[in-house]
Amino acid sequence: IMWENNGYSNTNPDHFIEYVWKYWCEYLFTDPRYLKIDNKPLLSLWSFRFVEHWGGAQKAKEIIKFMNEDIKRYGCDGIILMATAGMSSYENLSEYCDLTYSYHFGKNGYSADYMIESIDDLNSNLEKGMVPYMQTVSVGFNSCPWHGADARSPLASLDDYEKVLRYIKGN
């Protein structure tokens, strides 16, 4: 699941547990085709806003602890949380999540060199003891659906896409 939670405004943990979490567990996490790593389902958050959603760090940590424990009722060994965040948030992200990733690299995400530079910057978080970064590649970013045809940005060429994939493979 890649939970696109950017506009999620429910701050009631009981509703989350009863309607969202329960559904994920019963219909998705328990499906044998669902990605598990070391018998832990992977839950990707588009935007790490757990602290905002639940009204503070303590409640966010309680919900994450609940998910890690409750998923065991379904035969799993916990959950892996992966989230995107702004660069300034990565340090705090390690208090909540297991990994981070780039959903896209913005309007310059069509450029192999830009993506490689960004990957190197994000990988440096490991050296700082921050949350690990799962390397990703982007096709670029096109915000036309939100901002009209004038907002069109270039997309990555096949050669640039391959260059980034080969770079990631070499890391």
C-alpha atoms as a PDB file:
ATOM      1  CA  ILE A   1       0.000   0.000   0.000  1.00  0.00           C
ATOM      2  CA  MET A   2       1.213   3.445  -0.814  1.00  0.00           C
ATOM      3  CA  TRP A   3      -1.095   5.476   1.421  1.00  0.00           C
ATOM      4  CA  GLU A   4      -1.571   8.859  -0.230  1.00  0.00           C
ATOM      5  CA  ASN A   5      -2.304  10.552   3.073  1.00  0.00           C
ATOM      6  CA  ASN A   6      -1.482  14.128   2.154  1.00  0.00           C
ATOM      7  CA  GLY A   7      -5.093  15.262   2.455  1.00  0.00           C
ATOM      8  CA  TYR A   8      -5.986  12.822   5.239  1.00  0.00           C
ATOM      9  CA  SER A   9      -7.573  14.778   8.048  1.00  0.00           C
ATOM     10  CA  ASN A  10      -9.019  12.105  10.344  1.00  0.00           C
ATOM     11  CA  THR A  11      -7.481  12.600  13.766  1.00  0.00           C
ATOM     12  CA  ASN A  12      -9.542   9.918  15.485  1.00  0.00           C
ATOM     13  CA  PRO A  13      -7.308   6.881  16.056  1.00  0.00           C
ATOM     14  CA  ASP A  14     -10.330   4.691  16.805  1.00  0.00           C
ATOM     15  CA  HIS A  15     -11.752   5.417  13.343  1.00  0.00           C
ATOM     16  CA  PHE A  16      -8.364   4.736  11.736  1.00  0.00           C
ATOM     17  CA  ILE A  17      -8.088   1.405  13.563  1.00  0.00           C
ATOM     18  CA  GLU A  18     -11.658   0.312  12.889  1.00  0.00           C
ATOM     19  CA  TYR A  19     -12.068   1.418   9.281  1.00  0.00           C
ATOM     20  CA  VAL A  20      -8.636   1.835   7.671  1.00  0.00           C
ATOM     21  CA  TRP A  21      -6.253  -0.421   9.597  1.00  0.00           C
ATOM     22  CA  LYS A  22      -8.710  -3.299   9.922  1.00  0.00           C
ATOM     23  CA  TYR A  23      -9.438  -3.189   6.170  1.00  0.00           C
ATOM     24  CA  TRP A  24      -5.744  -3.166   5.301  1.00  0.00           C
ATOM     25  CA  CYS A  25      -5.112  -6.156   7.561  1.00  0.00           C
ATOM     26  CA  GLU A  26      -8.078  -8.257   6.465  1.00  0.00           C
ATOM     27  CA  TYR A  27      -7.960  -7.572   2.728  1.00  0.00           C
ATOM     28  CA  LEU A  28      -4.417  -6.557   1.856  1.00  0.00           C
ATOM     29  CA  PHE A  29      -1.680  -7.465   4.359  1.00  0.00           C
ATOM     30  CA  THR A  30      -3.029 -11.030   4.664  1.00  0.00           C
ATOM     31  CA  ASP A  31      -3.164 -11.565   0.903  1.00  0.00           C
ATOM     32  CA  PRO A  32      -0.280 -13.931   0.068  1.00  0.00           C
ATOM     33  CA  ARG A  33       0.651 -11.693  -2.887  1.00  0.00           C
ATOM     34  CA  TYR A  34       1.246  -8.679  -0.631  1.00  0.00           C
ATOM     35  CA  LEU A  35       4.931  -7.716  -0.302  1.00  0.00           C
ATOM     36  CA  LYS A  36       6.408  -8.823   2.986  1.00  0.00           C
ATOM     37  CA  ILE A  37      10.022  -8.514   4.053  1.00  0.00           C
ATOM     38  CA  ASP A  38      11.026 -10.879   6.864  1.00  0.00           C
ATOM     39  CA  ASN A  39       7.303 -11.622   7.300  1.00  0.00           C
ATOM     40  CA  LYS A  40       6.530  -7.924   7.802  1.00  0.00           C
ATOM     41  CA  PRO A  41       4.178  -6.123   5.378  1.00  0.00           C
ATOM     42  CA  LEU A  42       5.575  -2.948   3.829  1.00  0.00           C
ATOM     43  CA  LEU A  43       3.386   0.142   4.292  1.00  0.00           C
ATOM     44  CA  SER A  44       4.458   3.169   2.311  1.00  0.00           C
ATOM     45  CA  LEU A  45       3.254   6.626   3.328  1.00  0.00           C
ATOM     46  CA  TRP A  46       3.229   9.253   0.613  1.00  0.00           C
ATOM     47  CA  SER A  47       3.572  12.015   3.143  1.00  0.00           C
ATOM     48  CA  PHE A  48       4.781  11.462   6.659  1.00  0.00           C
ATOM     49  CA  ARG A  49       2.169  13.422   8.553  1.00  0.00           C
ATOM     50  CA  PHE A  50       1.481  10.930  11.344  1.00  0.00           C
ATOM     51  CA  VAL A  51       2.466  13.376  14.048  1.00  0.00           C
ATOM     52  CA  GLU A  52       0.088  16.021  12.655  1.00  0.00           C
ATOM     53  CA  HIS A  53      -2.704  13.498  12.088  1.00  0.00           C
ATOM     54  CA  TRP A  54      -2.686  12.138  15.587  1.00  0.00           C
ATOM     55  CA  GLY A  55      -2.040  15.335  17.515  1.00  0.00           C
ATOM     56  CA  GLY A  56       1.550  14.832  18.574  1.00  0.00           C
ATOM     57  CA  ALA A  57       4.590  12.592  18.693  1.00  0.00           C
ATOM     58  CA  GLN A  58       3.410  10.452  21.595  1.00  0.00           C
ATOM     59  CA  LYS A  59       0.104   9.499  19.925  1.00  0.00           C
ATOM     60  CA  ALA A  60       1.841   8.840  16.593  1.00  0.00           C
ATOM     61  CA  LYS A  61       4.277   6.482  18.307  1.00  0.00           C
ATOM     62  CA  GLU A  62       1.394   4.749  20.087  1.00  0.00           C
ATOM     63  CA  ILE A  63      -0.360   4.104  16.768  1.00  0.00           C
ATOM     64  CA  ILE A  64       2.818   2.767  15.188  1.00  0.00           C
ATOM     65  CA  LYS A  65       3.346   0.512  18.207  1.00  0.00           C
ATOM     66  CA  PHE A  66      -0.271  -0.647  17.890  1.00  0.00           C
ATOM     67  CA  MET A  67       0.224  -1.487  14.189  1.00  0.00           C
ATOM     68  CA  ASN A  68       3.406  -3.433  14.947  1.00  0.00           C
ATOM     69  CA  GLU A  69       1.649  -5.459  17.637  1.00  0.00           C
ATOM     70  CA  ASP A  70      -1.793  -5.874  16.066  1.00  0.00           C
ATOM     71  CA  ILE A  71      -0.423  -7.161  12.755  1.00  0.00           C
ATOM     72  CA  LYS A  72       0.899 -10.166  14.682  1.00  0.00           C
ATOM     73  CA  ARG A  73      -2.706 -11.350  15.116  1.00  0.00           C
ATOM     74  CA  TYR A  74      -2.656 -11.884  11.350  1.00  0.00           C
ATOM     75  CA  GLY A  75       0.484 -14.034  11.383  1.00  0.00           C
ATOM     76  CA  CYS A  76       3.020 -11.314  10.634  1.00  0.00           C
ATOM     77  CA  ASP A  77       6.082 -10.331  12.660  1.00  0.00           C
ATOM     78  CA  GLY A  78       5.463  -6.569  12.641  1.00  0.00           C
ATOM     79  CA  ILE A  79       5.222  -3.899   9.951  1.00  0.00           C
ATOM     80  CA  ILE A  80       7.778  -1.942   7.959  1.00  0.00           C
ATOM     81  CA  LEU A  81       6.940   1.747   7.573  1.00  0.00           C
ATOM     82  CA  MET A  82       8.433   3.658   4.681  1.00  0.00           C
ATOM     83  CA  ALA A  83       7.662   7.342   4.107  1.00  0.00           C
ATOM     84  CA  THR A  84       8.613  10.335   2.035  1.00  0.00           C
ATOM     85  CA  ALA A  85       9.542  13.530   3.810  1.00  0.00           C
ATOM     86  CA  GLY A  86      11.137  16.879   3.096  1.00  0.00           C
ATOM     87  CA  MET A  87      14.901  16.949   3.594  1.00  0.00           C
ATOM     88  CA  SER A  88      14.527  18.895   6.827  1.00  0.00           C
ATOM     89  CA  SER A  89      12.328  16.125   8.245  1.00  0.00           C
ATOM     90  CA  TYR A  90      14.559  13.105   7.667  1.00  0.00           C
ATOM     91  CA  GLU A  91      16.270  13.261  11.036  1.00  0.00           C
ATOM     92  CA  ASN A  92      12.984  13.068  12.950  1.00  0.00           C
ATOM     93  CA  LEU A  93      11.594  10.481  10.557  1.00  0.00           C
ATOM     94  CA  SER A  94      13.914   7.849  12.026  1.00  0.00           C
ATOM     95  CA  GLU A  95      11.911   8.010  15.262  1.00  0.00           C
ATOM     96  CA  TYR A  96       8.873   6.646  13.416  1.00  0.00           C
ATOM     97  CA  CYS A  97       9.807   4.866  10.191  1.00  0.00           C
ATOM     98  CA  ASP A  98      12.155   2.163   9.000  1.00  0.00           C
ATOM     99  CA  LEU A  99      13.016   3.711   5.607  1.00  0.00           C
ATOM    100  CA  THR A 100      12.461   6.695   3.425  1.00  0.00           C
ATOM    101  CA  TYR A 101      12.225   7.040  -0.352  1.00  0.00           C
ATOM    102  CA  SER A 102      11.686   9.622  -3.064  1.00  0.00           C
ATOM    103  CA  TYR A 103       8.270   9.505  -4.661  1.00  0.00           C
ATOM    104  CA  HIS A 104       9.655  11.812  -7.353  1.00  0.00           C
ATOM    105  CA  PHE A 105      12.470  14.341  -7.690  1.00  0.00           C
ATOM    106  CA  GLY A 106      10.347  17.338  -8.651  1.00  0.00           C
ATOM    107  CA  LYS A 107      10.427  19.147 -11.966  1.00  0.00           C
ATOM    108  CA  ASN A 108      14.127  18.390 -12.448  1.00  0.00           C
ATOM    109  CA  GLY A 109      13.493  14.672 -11.978  1.00  0.00           C
ATOM    110  CA  TYR A 110      13.823  14.050 -15.708  1.00  0.00           C
ATOM    111  CA  SER A 111      17.600  14.604 -15.503  1.00  0.00           C
ATOM    112  CA  ALA A 112      19.763  11.590 -14.697  1.00  0.00           C
ATOM    113  CA  ASP A 113      22.488  13.810 -13.259  1.00  0.00           C
ATOM    114  CA  TYR A 114      20.006  15.613 -11.004  1.00  0.00           C
ATOM    115  CA  MET A 115      18.537  12.316  -9.760  1.00  0.00           C
ATOM    116  CA  ILE A 116      21.992  10.843  -9.105  1.00  0.00           C
ATOM    117  CA  GLU A 117      23.022  13.953  -7.162  1.00  0.00           C
ATOM    118  CA  SER A 118      19.800  13.758  -5.143  1.00  0.00           C
ATOM    119  CA  ILE A 119      20.326  10.049  -4.457  1.00  0.00           C
ATOM    120  CA  ASP A 120      23.843  10.762  -3.212  1.00  0.00           C
ATOM    121  CA  ASP A 121      22.513  13.504  -0.905  1.00  0.00           C
ATOM    122  CA  LEU A 122      19.834  11.197   0.467  1.00  0.00           C
ATOM    123  CA  ASN A 123      22.267   8.302   0.889  1.00  0.00           C
ATOM    124  CA  SER A 124      24.441  10.571   3.029  1.00  0.00           C
ATOM    125  CA  ASN A 125      21.679  10.331   5.668  1.00  0.00           C
ATOM    126  CA  LEU A 126      22.942   6.844   6.473  1.00  0.00           C
ATOM    127  CA  GLU A 127      26.313   8.303   7.382  1.00  0.00           C
ATOM    128  CA  LYS A 128      24.564  10.742   9.725  1.00  0.00           C
ATOM    129  CA  GLY A 129      22.698   7.909  11.444  1.00  0.00           C
ATOM    130  CA  MET A 130      19.356   8.924   9.979  1.00  0.00           C
ATOM    131  CA  VAL A 131      16.666   6.690   8.533  1.00  0.00           C
ATOM    132  CA  PRO A 132      17.879   4.527   5.598  1.00  0.00           C
ATOM    133  CA  TYR A 133      16.991   5.685   2.086  1.00  0.00           C
ATOM    134  CA  MET A 134      15.614   3.230  -0.479  1.00  0.00           C
ATOM    135  CA  GLN A 135      16.979   4.364  -3.817  1.00  0.00           C
ATOM    136  CA  THR A 136      14.391   5.155  -6.467  1.00  0.00           C
ATOM    137  CA  VAL A 137      14.296   6.475 -10.009  1.00  0.00           C
ATOM    138  CA  SER A 138      11.807   8.960 -11.436  1.00  0.00           C
ATOM    139  CA  VAL A 139      10.299   9.536 -14.854  1.00  0.00           C
ATOM    140  CA  GLY A 140      10.040  13.229 -14.026  1.00  0.00           C
ATOM    141  CA  PHE A 141       7.135  15.216 -12.653  1.00  0.00           C
ATOM    142  CA  ASN A 142       4.175  16.576 -14.502  1.00  0.00           C
ATOM    143  CA  SER A 143       1.807  18.844 -12.586  1.00  0.00           C
ATOM    144  CA  CYS A 144      -0.510  19.578 -15.524  1.00  0.00           C
ATOM    145  CA  PRO A 145      -3.504  17.908 -13.841  1.00  0.00           C
ATOM    146  CA  TRP A 146      -3.260  20.453 -11.022  1.00  0.00           C
ATOM    147  CA  HIS A 147      -1.820  23.514 -12.749  1.00  0.00           C
ATOM    148  CA  GLY A 148      -2.788  23.314 -16.448  1.00  0.00           C
ATOM    149  CA  ALA A 149      -0.871  22.616 -19.648  1.00  0.00           C
ATOM    150  CA  ASP A 150       1.661  25.403 -19.033  1.00  0.00           C
ATOM    151  CA  ALA A 151       2.995  23.450 -16.046  1.00  0.00           C
ATOM    152  CA  ARG A 152       4.274  20.594 -18.224  1.00  0.00           C
ATOM    153  CA  SER A 153       7.823  19.504 -17.412  1.00  0.00           C
ATOM    154  CA  PRO A 154      10.123  17.258 -19.447  1.00  0.00           C
ATOM    155  CA  LEU A 155      10.125  13.536 -18.767  1.00  0.00           C
ATOM    156  CA  ALA A 156      13.220  11.368 -18.430  1.00  0.00           C
ATOM    157  CA  SER A 157      14.581   9.865 -21.608  1.00  0.00           C
ATOM    158  CA  LEU A 158      15.073   6.106 -21.750  1.00  0.00           C
ATOM    159  CA  ASP A 159      18.834   6.693 -21.694  1.00  0.00           C
ATOM    160  CA  ASP A 160      18.626   8.854 -18.542  1.00  0.00           C
ATOM    161  CA  TYR A 161      16.290   6.387 -16.860  1.00  0.00           C
ATOM    162  CA  GLU A 162      18.698   3.543 -17.626  1.00  0.00           C
ATOM    163  CA  LYS A 163      21.676   5.612 -16.430  1.00  0.00           C
ATOM    164  CA  VAL A 164      20.036   6.117 -13.015  1.00  0.00           C
ATOM    165  CA  LEU A 165      19.038   2.455 -12.752  1.00  0.00           C
ATOM    166  CA  ARG A 166      22.622   1.407 -13.525  1.00  0.00           C
ATOM    167  CA  TYR A 167      23.905   3.899 -10.942  1.00  0.00           C
ATOM    168  CA  ILE A 168      21.550   2.510  -8.293  1.00  0.00           C
ATOM    169  CA  LYS A 169      22.555  -1.060  -9.179  1.00  0.00           C
ATOM    170  CA  GLY A 170      26.197  -0.098  -8.677  1.00  0.00           C
ATOM    171  CA  ASN A 171      25.528   1.361  -5.210  1.00  0.00           C
END
